[in-house]
Protein backbone atom coordinates (compact mmCIF):
# COMPACT_ATOMS: atom_id res chain seq x y z
CA MET A 1 -26.90 6.84 -1.77
CA ASP A 2 -27.32 3.43 -0.40
CA ASP A 3 -26.12 2.22 2.97
CA LYS A 4 -23.21 0.26 1.55
CA GLU A 5 -21.90 3.43 -0.11
CA GLN A 6 -22.26 5.49 3.08
CA LEU A 7 -20.51 2.83 5.17
CA ARG A 8 -17.65 2.48 2.85
CA VAL A 9 -16.93 6.23 2.73
CA GLY A 10 -14.93 5.83 6.13
CA ALA A 11 -11.87 4.70 4.30
CA ALA A 12 -11.91 7.66 1.90
CA VAL A 13 -12.37 9.98 4.74
CA ARG A 14 -9.39 8.47 6.63
CA ARG A 15 -7.12 8.71 3.57
CA ARG A 16 -8.05 12.27 3.02
CA ARG A 17 -7.49 13.32 6.60
CA ARG A 18 -4.05 11.61 6.72
CA ALA A 19 -3.10 13.09 3.44
CA LEU A 20 -3.81 16.57 4.96
CA GLY A 21 -1.87 15.68 8.11
CA LEU A 22 -4.93 16.11 10.41
CA THR A 23 -5.52 14.29 13.58
CA LEU A 24 -9.13 13.18 14.34
CA SER A 25 -9.34 15.93 16.97
CA ALA A 26 -8.45 18.55 14.30
CA LEU A 27 -11.06 17.15 12.05
CA ALA A 28 -13.58 17.24 14.77
CA GLU A 29 -12.86 20.80 15.64
CA ARG A 30 -13.12 21.86 11.94
CA SER A 31 -16.21 19.77 11.16
CA GLY A 32 -18.12 20.36 14.40
CA LEU A 33 -18.58 16.62 14.86
CA SER A 34 -17.33 14.48 17.78
CA VAL A 35 -14.00 12.40 17.80
CA PRO A 36 -15.83 9.24 18.63
CA PHE A 37 -18.32 9.71 15.82
CA LEU A 38 -15.54 10.59 13.30
CA SER A 39 -13.77 7.37 14.48
CA GLN A 40 -16.63 5.23 13.93
CA VAL A 41 -17.27 6.76 10.43
CA GLU A 42 -13.51 6.00 9.44
CA ASN A 43 -13.75 2.46 10.88
CA GLU A 44 -17.20 2.07 8.95
CA ARG A 45 -19.16 1.46 12.07
CA ALA A 46 -21.26 4.52 11.70
CA ARG A 47 -23.05 6.09 8.66
CA PRO A 48 -22.81 9.76 8.37
CA SER A 49 -25.83 11.59 7.28
CA THR A 50 -25.75 13.74 4.20
CA ALA A 51 -25.36 16.88 6.35
CA SER A 52 -22.61 15.23 8.40
CA LEU A 53 -20.85 14.01 5.34
CA ASP A 54 -21.05 17.62 3.90
CA SER A 55 -19.42 18.85 7.11
CA ILE A 56 -16.70 16.27 7.06
CA ALA A 57 -15.93 17.05 3.29
CA ALA A 58 -15.77 20.83 3.98
CA ALA A 59 -13.39 20.26 6.91
CA LEU A 60 -11.29 18.14 4.52
CA ASP A 61 -11.19 20.79 1.81
CA THR A 62 -13.16 18.55 -0.56
CA THR A 63 -16.78 17.66 -1.48
CA ALA A 64 -19.11 14.85 -0.23
CA LYS A 65 -19.21 13.76 -4.03
CA ASP A 66 -15.43 13.46 -4.22
CA LEU A 67 -15.34 11.44 -1.02
CA LEU A 68 -17.90 9.12 -2.38
CA VAL A 69 -16.00 8.78 -5.62
CA ALA A 70 -12.89 7.99 -3.57
CA ALA A 71 -14.99 5.46 -1.73
CA ASP A 72 -15.97 3.80 -4.92
CA ALA A 73 -12.44 3.51 -6.01
CA ALA A 74 -11.37 2.06 -2.59
CA ARG A 75 -13.76 -0.98 -3.02
CA THR A 76 -12.03 -2.44 -5.86
CA VAL A 77 -12.21 -6.16 -6.72
CA ASP A 78 -9.80 -6.80 -9.60
CA VAL A 79 -8.69 -10.17 -10.92
CA VAL A 80 -5.36 -9.88 -12.58
CA ARG A 81 -4.84 -12.60 -15.18
CA GLU A 82 -1.46 -13.48 -16.33
CA ALA A 83 -2.55 -13.48 -19.97
CA ASP A 84 -4.28 -10.11 -19.81
CA GLN A 85 -1.44 -8.22 -18.35
CA ASP A 86 0.32 -5.22 -19.77
CA PRO A 87 3.82 -5.87 -20.90
CA GLU A 88 6.23 -6.04 -17.89
CA PRO A 89 7.87 -2.77 -17.17
CA GLN A 90 11.10 -4.59 -16.61
CA PRO A 91 11.92 -8.27 -17.60
CA GLY A 92 11.15 -10.50 -15.06
CA VAL A 93 9.07 -8.07 -12.84
CA ARG A 94 5.31 -8.50 -13.09
CA PRO A 95 3.00 -6.26 -11.03
CA LEU A 96 0.31 -8.20 -9.42
CA VAL A 97 -1.93 -5.35 -8.35
CA ARG A 98 -3.19 -2.75 -10.89
CA GLY A 99 -3.52 1.02 -9.92
CA GLN A 100 -2.48 2.67 -6.69
CA HIS A 101 -3.75 0.92 -3.51
CA GLN A 102 -2.58 0.47 -0.02
CA MET A 103 -0.85 -2.91 -0.92
CA HIS A 104 1.85 -3.31 -3.56
CA ALA A 105 2.71 -6.78 -4.93
CA LEU A 106 5.17 -7.88 -7.46
CA GLU A 107 6.37 -11.24 -8.78
CA LEU A 108 9.99 -11.45 -9.57
CA THR A 109 10.99 -14.33 -11.98
CA GLY A 110 14.24 -15.55 -13.32
CA GLU A 111 17.75 -14.30 -12.67
CA TYR A 112 17.77 -10.96 -10.73
CA ASP A 113 20.46 -9.07 -9.00
CA ALA A 114 19.60 -5.49 -7.97
CA GLY A 115 23.23 -4.66 -7.67
CA ARG A 116 22.25 -1.65 -5.35
CA GLU A 117 20.76 -1.04 -2.00
CA PHE A 118 17.14 -0.15 -1.35
CA GLN A 119 15.42 1.30 1.53
CA HIS A 120 11.62 1.63 1.46
CA ARG A 121 9.43 3.61 3.76
CA ASN A 122 7.02 0.76 4.62
CA ASP A 123 7.05 -2.76 5.62
CA GLU A 124 7.41 -5.63 3.01
CA LEU A 125 7.29 -9.30 2.89
CA MET A 126 9.25 -11.54 0.43
CA TYR A 127 8.21 -15.21 -0.21
CA VAL A 128 10.23 -17.64 -2.44
CA VAL A 129 7.71 -19.60 -4.44
CA GLU A 130 10.39 -21.54 -6.49
CA GLY A 131 14.28 -21.51 -6.57
CA ALA A 132 16.45 -19.37 -4.14
CA ALA A 133 17.33 -15.91 -3.26
CA GLU A 134 19.80 -14.09 -1.09
CA VAL A 135 18.95 -10.84 0.70
CA GLU A 136 21.48 -8.72 2.42
CA ALA A 137 19.76 -6.64 5.06
CA GLU A 138 21.45 -4.37 7.72
CA GLY A 139 24.78 -6.05 7.23
CA ARG A 140 23.55 -9.68 7.46
CA VAL A 141 23.16 -12.04 4.42
CA TYR A 142 19.97 -14.29 4.39
CA GLN A 143 19.73 -17.32 2.31
CA LEU A 144 16.08 -18.10 1.23
CA GLY A 145 14.84 -21.35 -0.38
CA ARG A 146 11.51 -22.54 -1.68
CA GLY A 147 8.84 -21.65 0.85
CA ASP A 148 10.89 -19.24 2.91
CA THR A 149 9.66 -15.83 3.94
CA LEU A 150 11.67 -12.77 4.84
CA TYR A 151 9.98 -9.78 6.63
CA LEU A 152 11.58 -6.40 6.36
CA SER A 153 10.22 -3.43 8.40
CA GLY A 154 10.12 -0.07 6.91
CA GLY A 155 13.43 1.62 6.82
CA VAL A 156 15.64 -1.53 6.60
CA ARG A 157 18.44 -1.18 3.91
CA HIS A 158 18.67 -4.24 1.73
CA ARG A 159 19.91 -5.85 -1.42
CA CYS A 160 18.38 -8.72 -3.07
CA ARG A 161 19.44 -11.27 -5.82
CA THR A 162 18.27 -14.79 -7.11
CA THR A 163 20.86 -17.52 -6.60
CA VAL A 164 19.16 -20.15 -8.74
CA PRO A 165 17.92 -19.71 -12.43
CA ALA A 166 14.07 -19.63 -12.80
CA THR A 167 13.55 -18.43 -9.27
CA ARG A 168 10.21 -16.88 -8.52
CA VAL A 169 9.66 -14.53 -5.66
CA LEU A 170 6.44 -13.02 -4.38
CA LEU A 171 6.99 -9.50 -2.92
CA VAL A 172 4.13 -7.91 -1.03
CA ALA A 173 4.53 -4.42 0.64
CA VAL A 174 2.52 -1.54 2.20
CA ALA A 175 2.57 0.95 -0.69
CA GLU A 176 4.94 3.96 -0.57
CA HIS A 177 2.20 6.50 -0.46
CA ILE A 178 0.90 5.10 2.83
CA GLU A 179 2.09 6.51 6.05
CA ALA A 180 2.39 3.13 7.86
CA THR A 181 5.52 3.81 9.92
CA ALA A 182 7.08 6.68 11.68
CA THR A 183 10.29 5.99 9.68
CA LYS A 184 11.16 8.93 7.48
CA ALA A 185 13.53 6.99 5.36
CA ALA A 186 14.34 7.88 1.84
CA HIS A 187 12.38 5.75 -0.62
CA GLN A 188 12.41 4.59 -4.19
CA SER A 189 9.54 4.98 -6.56
CA SER A 190 8.05 1.80 -7.98
CA ASP A 191 9.47 2.73 -11.29
CA ASP A 192 13.14 2.59 -10.26
CA ALA A 193 12.76 -0.04 -7.45
CA PRO A 194 12.31 -3.51 -9.10
CA CYS A 195 13.03 -5.15 -5.64
CA ARG A 196 9.77 -3.49 -4.64
């Protein structure tokens, strides 16, 4: 494997460790490697040898090959062109990122009224590209116009609707599968959460 592959395996190690609910200390104990070294591997400041990567993989109940495949998937560069997109899963809701990544992004276009309350596990940012929108969050109503941004931390209850036809809103969020906050709020899947 080349140096770039070895360097980028750190993100795959971190994701796998977190998915198993392990701390760096627990991974160190299981693998026989030091916490500082494992931290450097996860932050891509150190390259594990083949033997070290095998030890890390075994401690994570996987294989070095699977970690490298996950590392390959993690270093995606993907241009999503408007003309090449699959049909929108819901009218006026266009995914801006393909696949499952740490970031989730949608473009909401046209008239939209959720009519129900959402509560997502992780942080999200709403940016009004054109038109206007109204967001009710934690009992307050926020009027947003062109160029306005609204930040919602994970766990904030909210409803959203457009107030001007042909409104375009960009919604960027930390994906639901990422443990980014300590909030254990109920969350919607992307299939039934057009506001997200």
